Amino acid sequence: MTRDAFRQFEEKLARYDDPAETGAALHELAAALIPCHLFTLTAINGPAGHVRRVYSSHPDVYPLLGTKPLVIDDWFRAMQTERRITAINTAAGMEGQFPDLALIRSLGCNSSLSVPVMAGNDLLGTINALDAEGSYPDAMLDRAADLIIPATAVFLILRAHFAL
């Protein structure tokens, strides 16, 4: 199944008509590897100091919007310097971490996973997956890491498509 999912992703990447289709292709690949009821991609423009959502599995509640200020905190620094994949597996652990926690919970999500995607010492963005409580144990982090190379290609394509 996993090998087929990667092949399907490669085919979609090779043949997309609209660059936005690449985010959907990565979402399909992610769904074959990890639980991801809610799946978004956030592009980061460090020099300009802002971020932008460039893909959303739920555009009705998490639309592609304008930019938001980049928050440089310990979590961001860990992603940038250590390329740390971060998982929160409990509803209690998510408290205080998300300003939109009520909305996240209304979608049935009480776990989150953030995967940094870098190229050339530049943090291109993050893969953000949310699902039911307990969805991201340590074994799932290795599967999430398998998304980094495909996501790098997607972020480079989307950077050319979206004004960041």
C-alpha atoms as a PDB file:
ATOM      1  CA  MET A   1       0.000   0.000   0.000  1.00  0.00           C
ATOM      2  CA  THR A   2       2.687   2.513   0.964  1.00  0.00           C
ATOM      3  CA  ARG A   3       4.735   1.923  -2.171  1.00  0.00           C
ATOM      4  CA  ASP A   4       1.621   2.385  -4.320  1.00  0.00           C
ATOM      5  CA  ALA A   5       0.795   5.612  -2.449  1.00  0.00           C
ATOM      6  CA  PHE A   6       4.254   7.024  -3.227  1.00  0.00           C
ATOM      7  CA  ARG A   7       3.919   6.027  -6.896  1.00  0.00           C
ATOM      8  CA  GLN A   8       0.504   7.703  -7.115  1.00  0.00           C
ATOM      9  CA  PHE A   9       1.946  10.840  -5.510  1.00  0.00           C
ATOM     10  CA  GLU A  10       4.841  10.869  -7.990  1.00  0.00           C
ATOM     11  CA  GLU A  11       2.433  10.537 -10.903  1.00  0.00           C
ATOM     12  CA  LYS A  12       0.244  13.376  -9.655  1.00  0.00           C
ATOM     13  CA  LEU A  13       3.281  15.570  -9.122  1.00  0.00           C
ATOM     14  CA  ALA A  14       4.544  14.812 -12.617  1.00  0.00           C
ATOM     15  CA  ARG A  15       1.204  15.587 -14.246  1.00  0.00           C
ATOM     16  CA  TYR A  16      -0.500  18.394 -12.297  1.00  0.00           C
ATOM     17  CA  ASP A  17      -2.295  21.132 -14.232  1.00  0.00           C
ATOM     18  CA  ASP A  18      -2.776  23.509 -11.318  1.00  0.00           C
ATOM     19  CA  PRO A  19       0.021  23.819  -8.737  1.00  0.00           C
ATOM     20  CA  ALA A  20      -2.604  23.726  -5.980  1.00  0.00           C
ATOM     21  CA  GLU A  21      -3.233  20.062  -6.895  1.00  0.00           C
ATOM     22  CA  THR A  22       0.160  19.212  -5.419  1.00  0.00           C
ATOM     23  CA  GLY A  23      -1.089  19.951  -1.885  1.00  0.00           C
ATOM     24  CA  ALA A  24      -3.989  17.557  -2.411  1.00  0.00           C
ATOM     25  CA  ALA A  25      -1.582  14.925  -3.714  1.00  0.00           C
ATOM     26  CA  LEU A  26       0.573  15.272  -0.587  1.00  0.00           C
ATOM     27  CA  HIS A  27      -2.552  15.023   1.567  1.00  0.00           C
ATOM     28  CA  GLU A  28      -3.502  11.735  -0.144  1.00  0.00           C
ATOM     29  CA  LEU A  29       0.006  10.396   0.441  1.00  0.00           C
ATOM     30  CA  ALA A  30      -0.079  11.496   4.079  1.00  0.00           C
ATOM     31  CA  ALA A  31      -3.430   9.773   4.602  1.00  0.00           C
ATOM     32  CA  ALA A  32      -1.827   6.507   3.460  1.00  0.00           C
ATOM     33  CA  LEU A  33       0.923   6.898   6.072  1.00  0.00           C
ATOM     34  CA  ILE A  34      -0.529   8.671   9.112  1.00  0.00           C
ATOM     35  CA  PRO A  35      -3.909   9.524  10.603  1.00  0.00           C
ATOM     36  CA  CYS A  36      -4.871  13.005   9.405  1.00  0.00           C
ATOM     37  CA  HIS A  37      -8.485  14.032   9.700  1.00  0.00           C
ATOM     38  CA  LEU A  38      -7.380  17.684   9.378  1.00  0.00           C
ATOM     39  CA  PHE A  39      -4.378  18.316   7.128  1.00  0.00           C
ATOM     40  CA  THR A  40      -2.846  21.675   6.249  1.00  0.00           C
ATOM     41  CA  LEU A  41       0.379  23.005   4.800  1.00  0.00           C
ATOM     42  CA  THR A  42       1.788  26.270   6.117  1.00  0.00           C
ATOM     43  CA  ALA A  43       4.443  28.061   4.065  1.00  0.00           C
ATOM     44  CA  ILE A  44       6.961  30.201   5.923  1.00  0.00           C
ATOM     45  CA  ASN A  45       8.582  33.356   4.613  1.00  0.00           C
ATOM     46  CA  GLY A  46      11.256  34.016   7.228  1.00  0.00           C
ATOM     47  CA  PRO A  47      12.758  37.168   5.698  1.00  0.00           C
ATOM     48  CA  ALA A  48       9.306  38.784   5.403  1.00  0.00           C
ATOM     49  CA  GLY A  49       8.308  37.525   8.868  1.00  0.00           C
ATOM     50  CA  HIS A  50       5.047  35.816   7.978  1.00  0.00           C
ATOM     51  CA  VAL A  51       3.357  32.486   7.278  1.00  0.00           C
ATOM     52  CA  ARG A  52       0.562  31.489   4.908  1.00  0.00           C
ATOM     53  CA  ARG A  53      -1.684  28.426   4.691  1.00  0.00           C
ATOM     54  CA  VAL A  54      -1.189  27.012   1.185  1.00  0.00           C
ATOM     55  CA  TYR A  55      -3.289  23.833   1.460  1.00  0.00           C
ATOM     56  CA  SER A  56      -6.227  22.794   3.631  1.00  0.00           C
ATOM     57  CA  SER A  57      -8.213  19.571   3.775  1.00  0.00           C
ATOM     58  CA  HIS A  58     -11.082  21.614   5.247  1.00  0.00           C
ATOM     59  CA  PRO A  59     -11.146  24.897   3.308  1.00  0.00           C
ATOM     60  CA  ASP A  60     -14.613  25.678   4.672  1.00  0.00           C
ATOM     61  CA  VAL A  61     -13.196  26.122   8.206  1.00  0.00           C
ATOM     62  CA  TYR A  62      -9.467  26.512   7.437  1.00  0.00           C
ATOM     63  CA  PRO A  63      -9.387  28.492   4.178  1.00  0.00           C
ATOM     64  CA  LEU A  64      -6.346  29.677   2.292  1.00  0.00           C
ATOM     65  CA  LEU A  65      -6.042  33.200   3.617  1.00  0.00           C
ATOM     66  CA  GLY A  66      -3.617  36.063   3.585  1.00  0.00           C
ATOM     67  CA  THR A  67      -0.461  36.042   5.630  1.00  0.00           C
ATOM     68  CA  LYS A  68      -0.117  35.918   9.406  1.00  0.00           C
ATOM     69  CA  PRO A  69       2.876  37.124  11.452  1.00  0.00           C
ATOM     70  CA  LEU A  70       5.568  34.527  12.049  1.00  0.00           C
ATOM     71  CA  VAL A  71       5.923  33.757  15.762  1.00  0.00           C
ATOM     72  CA  ILE A  72       9.513  32.959  16.712  1.00  0.00           C
ATOM     73  CA  ASP A  73       9.190  30.867  19.870  1.00  0.00           C
ATOM     74  CA  ASP A  74      10.855  27.741  21.303  1.00  0.00           C
ATOM     75  CA  TRP A  75       8.692  25.488  19.105  1.00  0.00           C
ATOM     76  CA  PHE A  76       9.689  27.391  15.957  1.00  0.00           C
ATOM     77  CA  ARG A  77      13.386  27.406  16.918  1.00  0.00           C
ATOM     78  CA  ALA A  78      13.299  23.630  17.549  1.00  0.00           C
ATOM     79  CA  MET A  79      11.780  23.081  14.100  1.00  0.00           C
ATOM     80  CA  GLN A  80      14.336  25.324  12.460  1.00  0.00           C
ATOM     81  CA  THR A  81      17.481  24.211  14.237  1.00  0.00           C
ATOM     82  CA  GLU A  82      16.748  20.570  15.092  1.00  0.00           C
ATOM     83  CA  ARG A  83      14.154  19.873  12.369  1.00  0.00           C
ATOM     84  CA  ARG A  84      12.096  18.422  15.227  1.00  0.00           C
ATOM     85  CA  ILE A  85       8.806  16.723  14.425  1.00  0.00           C
ATOM     86  CA  THR A  86       6.416  17.672  17.205  1.00  0.00           C
ATOM     87  CA  ALA A  87       3.464  15.584  18.362  1.00  0.00           C
ATOM     88  CA  ILE A  88       0.833  16.329  20.979  1.00  0.00           C
ATOM     89  CA  ASN A  89      -1.232  13.251  21.739  1.00  0.00           C
ATOM     90  CA  THR A  90      -3.722  14.350  24.359  1.00  0.00           C
ATOM     91  CA  ALA A  91      -6.542  16.831  24.635  1.00  0.00           C
ATOM     92  CA  ALA A  92      -4.901  18.180  27.789  1.00  0.00           C
ATOM     93  CA  GLY A  93      -1.595  18.645  25.958  1.00  0.00           C
ATOM     94  CA  MET A  94      -3.301  20.757  23.308  1.00  0.00           C
ATOM     95  CA  GLU A  95      -4.625  23.221  25.915  1.00  0.00           C
ATOM     96  CA  GLY A  96      -3.024  26.624  25.442  1.00  0.00           C
ATOM     97  CA  GLN A  97      -1.261  25.579  22.223  1.00  0.00           C
ATOM     98  CA  PHE A  98      -3.942  26.530  19.693  1.00  0.00           C
ATOM     99  CA  PRO A  99      -5.983  29.734  19.663  1.00  0.00           C
ATOM    100  CA  ASP A 100      -8.657  27.875  17.664  1.00  0.00           C
ATOM    101  CA  LEU A 101      -8.794  24.813  19.931  1.00  0.00           C
ATOM    102  CA  ALA A 102     -12.607  24.819  20.141  1.00  0.00           C
ATOM    103  CA  LEU A 103     -12.827  24.599  16.345  1.00  0.00           C
ATOM    104  CA  ILE A 104     -10.179  21.851  16.239  1.00  0.00           C
ATOM    105  CA  ARG A 105     -12.080  19.857  18.841  1.00  0.00           C
ATOM    106  CA  SER A 106     -15.372  20.349  16.987  1.00  0.00           C
ATOM    107  CA  LEU A 107     -13.717  18.435  14.126  1.00  0.00           C
ATOM    108  CA  GLY A 108     -12.939  15.529  16.461  1.00  0.00           C
ATOM    109  CA  CYS A 109      -9.231  16.284  16.781  1.00  0.00           C
ATOM    110  CA  ASN A 110      -7.340  15.999  20.068  1.00  0.00           C
ATOM    111  CA  SER A 111      -3.862  15.179  18.715  1.00  0.00           C
ATOM    112  CA  SER A 112      -1.574  17.219  16.505  1.00  0.00           C
ATOM    113  CA  LEU A 113       1.550  16.611  14.493  1.00  0.00           C
ATOM    114  CA  SER A 114       3.843  19.255  12.985  1.00  0.00           C
ATOM    115  CA  VAL A 115       6.565  18.293  10.527  1.00  0.00           C
ATOM    116  CA  PRO A 116       9.125  20.931   9.496  1.00  0.00           C
ATOM    117  CA  VAL A 117      10.187  20.972   5.859  1.00  0.00           C
ATOM    118  CA  MET A 118      13.572  22.527   5.037  1.00  0.00           C
ATOM    119  CA  ALA A 119      15.799  23.012   2.018  1.00  0.00           C
ATOM    120  CA  GLY A 120      19.107  24.852   1.903  1.00  0.00           C
ATOM    121  CA  ASN A 121      18.846  25.869   5.579  1.00  0.00           C
ATOM    122  CA  ASP A 122      15.535  27.572   4.787  1.00  0.00           C
ATOM    123  CA  LEU A 123      12.434  26.467   6.687  1.00  0.00           C
ATOM    124  CA  LEU A 124       9.992  26.218   3.782  1.00  0.00           C
ATOM    125  CA  GLY A 125       6.980  25.352   5.900  1.00  0.00           C
ATOM    126  CA  THR A 126       5.235  22.761   7.995  1.00  0.00           C
ATOM    127  CA  ILE A 127       3.004  19.795   7.458  1.00  0.00           C
ATOM    128  CA  ASN A 128       0.220  20.002  10.046  1.00  0.00           C
ATOM    129  CA  ALA A 129      -1.908  16.949  10.784  1.00  0.00           C
ATOM    130  CA  LEU A 130      -4.592  16.624  13.426  1.00  0.00           C
ATOM    131  CA  ASP A 131      -6.613  13.583  14.401  1.00  0.00           C
ATOM    132  CA  ALA A 132      -8.180  11.743  17.333  1.00  0.00           C
ATOM    133  CA  GLU A 133      -6.473  11.646  20.705  1.00  0.00           C
ATOM    134  CA  GLY A 134      -3.446   9.319  20.781  1.00  0.00           C
ATOM    135  CA  SER A 135      -2.970   9.243  17.004  1.00  0.00           C
ATOM    136  CA  TYR A 136       0.724  10.160  16.961  1.00  0.00           C
ATOM    137  CA  PRO A 137       2.839   7.789  19.103  1.00  0.00           C
ATOM    138  CA  ASP A 138       6.580   7.626  18.464  1.00  0.00           C
ATOM    139  CA  ALA A 139       6.220   4.994  15.732  1.00  0.00           C
ATOM    140  CA  MET A 140       4.034   7.413  13.782  1.00  0.00           C
ATOM    141  CA  LEU A 141       6.771  10.062  13.807  1.00  0.00           C
ATOM    142  CA  ASP A 142       8.954   7.880  11.576  1.00  0.00           C
ATOM    143  CA  ARG A 143       6.089   7.519   9.110  1.00  0.00           C
ATOM    144  CA  ALA A 144       5.553  11.283   9.192  1.00  0.00           C
ATOM    145  CA  ALA A 145       9.256  11.806   8.442  1.00  0.00           C
ATOM    146  CA  ASP A 146       8.739   9.861   5.203  1.00  0.00           C
ATOM    147  CA  LEU A 147       6.642  12.813   4.015  1.00  0.00           C
ATOM    148  CA  ILE A 148       9.496  15.338   4.201  1.00  0.00           C
ATOM    149  CA  ILE A 149      11.039  14.750   0.758  1.00  0.00           C
ATOM    150  CA  PRO A 150       7.679  14.725  -1.056  1.00  0.00           C
ATOM    151  CA  ALA A 151       6.638  17.819   0.927  1.00  0.00           C
ATOM    152  CA  THR A 152       9.838  19.617  -0.068  1.00  0.00           C
ATOM    153  CA  ALA A 153       8.860  19.272  -3.721  1.00  0.00           C
ATOM    154  CA  VAL A 154       5.320  20.462  -2.972  1.00  0.00           C
ATOM    155  CA  PHE A 155       6.487  23.500  -1.003  1.00  0.00           C
ATOM    156  CA  LEU A 156       8.911  24.511  -3.750  1.00  0.00           C
ATOM    157  CA  ILE A 157       6.106  24.256  -6.322  1.00  0.00           C
ATOM    158  CA  LEU A 158       3.638  26.167  -4.138  1.00  0.00           C
ATOM    159  CA  ARG A 159       6.164  28.889  -3.343  1.00  0.00           C
ATOM    160  CA  ALA A 160       6.200  29.721  -7.038  1.00  0.00           C
ATOM    161  CA  HIS A 161       2.368  29.675  -7.120  1.00  0.00           C
ATOM    162  CA  PHE A 162       1.441  31.689  -4.006  1.00  0.00           C
ATOM    163  CA  ALA A 163       2.675  35.160  -3.216  1.00  0.00           C
ATOM    164  CA  LEU A 164       4.361  34.561   0.099  1.00  0.00           C
END
